[in-house]
């Protein structure tokens, strides 16, 4: 898990607002939700970034959604949400 968090910081999440949930309309996505809920609420991601460990193995994916001047990033591993963040676009 430490390796995943270090990689997330390396890809630029250090300036984002980390959260354990995000509201989308009248729905909420939380950590530990299955990916099916994310797709149901947000739809298909606008971009998927693979997160690799130090050996090059993919350990998670960062699903990015560009909505109303912000980026919602949902990190998924083992078919579950492990982290959520929101960033204001510049």
Protein backbone atom coordinates (compact mmCIF):
# COMPACT_ATOMS: atom_id res chain seq x y z
CA UNK A 1 0.00 0.00 0.00
CA UNK A 2 2.90 2.38 0.73
CA UNK A 3 4.22 1.86 -2.78
CA UNK A 4 0.82 2.78 -4.26
CA UNK A 5 0.62 5.96 -2.19
CA UNK A 6 4.16 6.95 -3.12
CA UNK A 7 3.36 6.46 -6.78
CA UNK A 8 0.20 8.54 -6.46
CA UNK A 9 2.21 11.39 -5.02
CA UNK A 10 4.69 11.04 -7.85
CA UNK A 11 1.93 11.50 -10.44
CA UNK A 12 0.83 14.76 -8.91
CA UNK A 13 -1.86 14.12 -6.36
CA UNK A 14 0.01 16.00 -3.65
CA UNK A 15 -1.81 19.24 -4.51
CA UNK A 16 -5.27 17.73 -4.72
CA UNK A 17 -7.94 17.51 -2.08
CA UNK A 18 -7.96 13.94 -0.80
CA UNK A 19 -11.28 12.66 0.42
CA UNK A 20 -12.90 9.41 1.43
CA UNK A 21 -15.99 10.26 -0.62
CA UNK A 22 -17.18 12.49 -3.44
CA UNK A 23 -20.68 13.74 -4.17
CA UNK A 24 -21.88 13.61 -7.78
CA UNK A 25 -25.33 15.11 -8.05
CA UNK A 26 -27.43 13.31 -5.47
CA UNK A 27 -25.13 10.24 -5.39
CA UNK A 28 -22.01 9.61 -3.31
CA UNK A 29 -18.98 7.46 -4.12
CA UNK A 30 -16.92 6.30 -1.14
CA UNK A 31 -13.75 4.33 -0.55
CA UNK A 32 -14.35 0.57 -0.65
CA UNK A 33 -17.21 0.94 -3.15
CA UNK A 34 -17.08 -1.57 -6.02
CA UNK A 35 -16.07 -0.18 -9.41
CA UNK A 36 -19.57 -0.88 -10.70
CA UNK A 37 -20.90 1.93 -8.51
CA UNK A 38 -18.29 4.33 -9.94
CA UNK A 39 -19.30 3.48 -13.50
CA UNK A 40 -22.98 3.75 -12.59
CA UNK A 41 -22.52 7.22 -11.05
CA UNK A 42 -19.75 8.77 -13.19
CA UNK A 43 -19.81 6.64 -16.33
CA UNK A 44 -16.78 5.63 -18.36
CA UNK A 45 -13.57 7.41 -17.27
CA UNK A 46 -12.23 10.19 -19.48
CA UNK A 47 -8.71 8.86 -18.87
CA UNK A 48 -7.21 5.82 -17.14
CA UNK A 49 -3.65 5.95 -15.81
CA UNK A 50 -2.03 2.70 -14.71
CA UNK A 51 -0.13 2.82 -11.40
CA UNK A 52 2.88 0.54 -11.25
CA UNK A 53 4.99 -0.69 -8.37
CA UNK A 54 8.78 -0.46 -8.33
CA UNK A 55 8.99 -3.63 -10.42
CA UNK A 56 6.72 -2.36 -13.19
CA UNK A 57 3.67 -4.42 -12.25
CA UNK A 58 0.33 -2.62 -12.46
CA UNK A 59 -1.08 -2.44 -8.92
CA UNK A 60 -3.93 0.03 -9.43
CA UNK A 61 -5.58 2.38 -11.91
CA UNK A 62 -6.37 6.07 -11.57
CA UNK A 63 -9.70 6.77 -13.26
CA UNK A 64 -9.99 10.46 -14.15
CA UNK A 65 -13.22 12.31 -14.84
CA UNK A 66 -13.21 15.90 -16.09
CA UNK A 67 -16.33 17.64 -14.78
CA UNK A 68 -17.27 21.32 -14.51
CA UNK A 69 -13.77 22.76 -14.13
CA UNK A 70 -12.41 20.02 -11.89
CA UNK A 71 -10.89 16.58 -12.13
CA UNK A 72 -12.32 13.78 -10.04
CA UNK A 73 -9.74 11.00 -9.63
CA UNK A 74 -10.78 7.60 -8.39
CA UNK A 75 -8.01 5.09 -7.70
CA UNK A 76 -9.14 1.48 -8.03
CA UNK A 77 -7.41 -1.77 -7.11
CA UNK A 78 -8.87 -5.25 -6.89
CA UNK A 79 -12.17 -3.91 -8.30
CA UNK A 80 -12.67 -1.49 -5.38
CA UNK A 81 -12.16 2.21 -4.77
CA UNK A 82 -9.06 2.76 -2.62
CA UNK A 83 -8.74 6.54 -2.91
CA UNK A 84 -10.69 9.55 -4.16
CA UNK A 85 -9.51 13.08 -4.89
CA UNK A 86 -10.76 16.27 -6.51
CA UNK A 87 -8.59 18.88 -8.20
CA UNK A 88 -9.55 22.29 -9.56
CA UNK A 89 -8.44 22.62 -13.17
CA UNK A 90 -6.33 25.62 -14.05
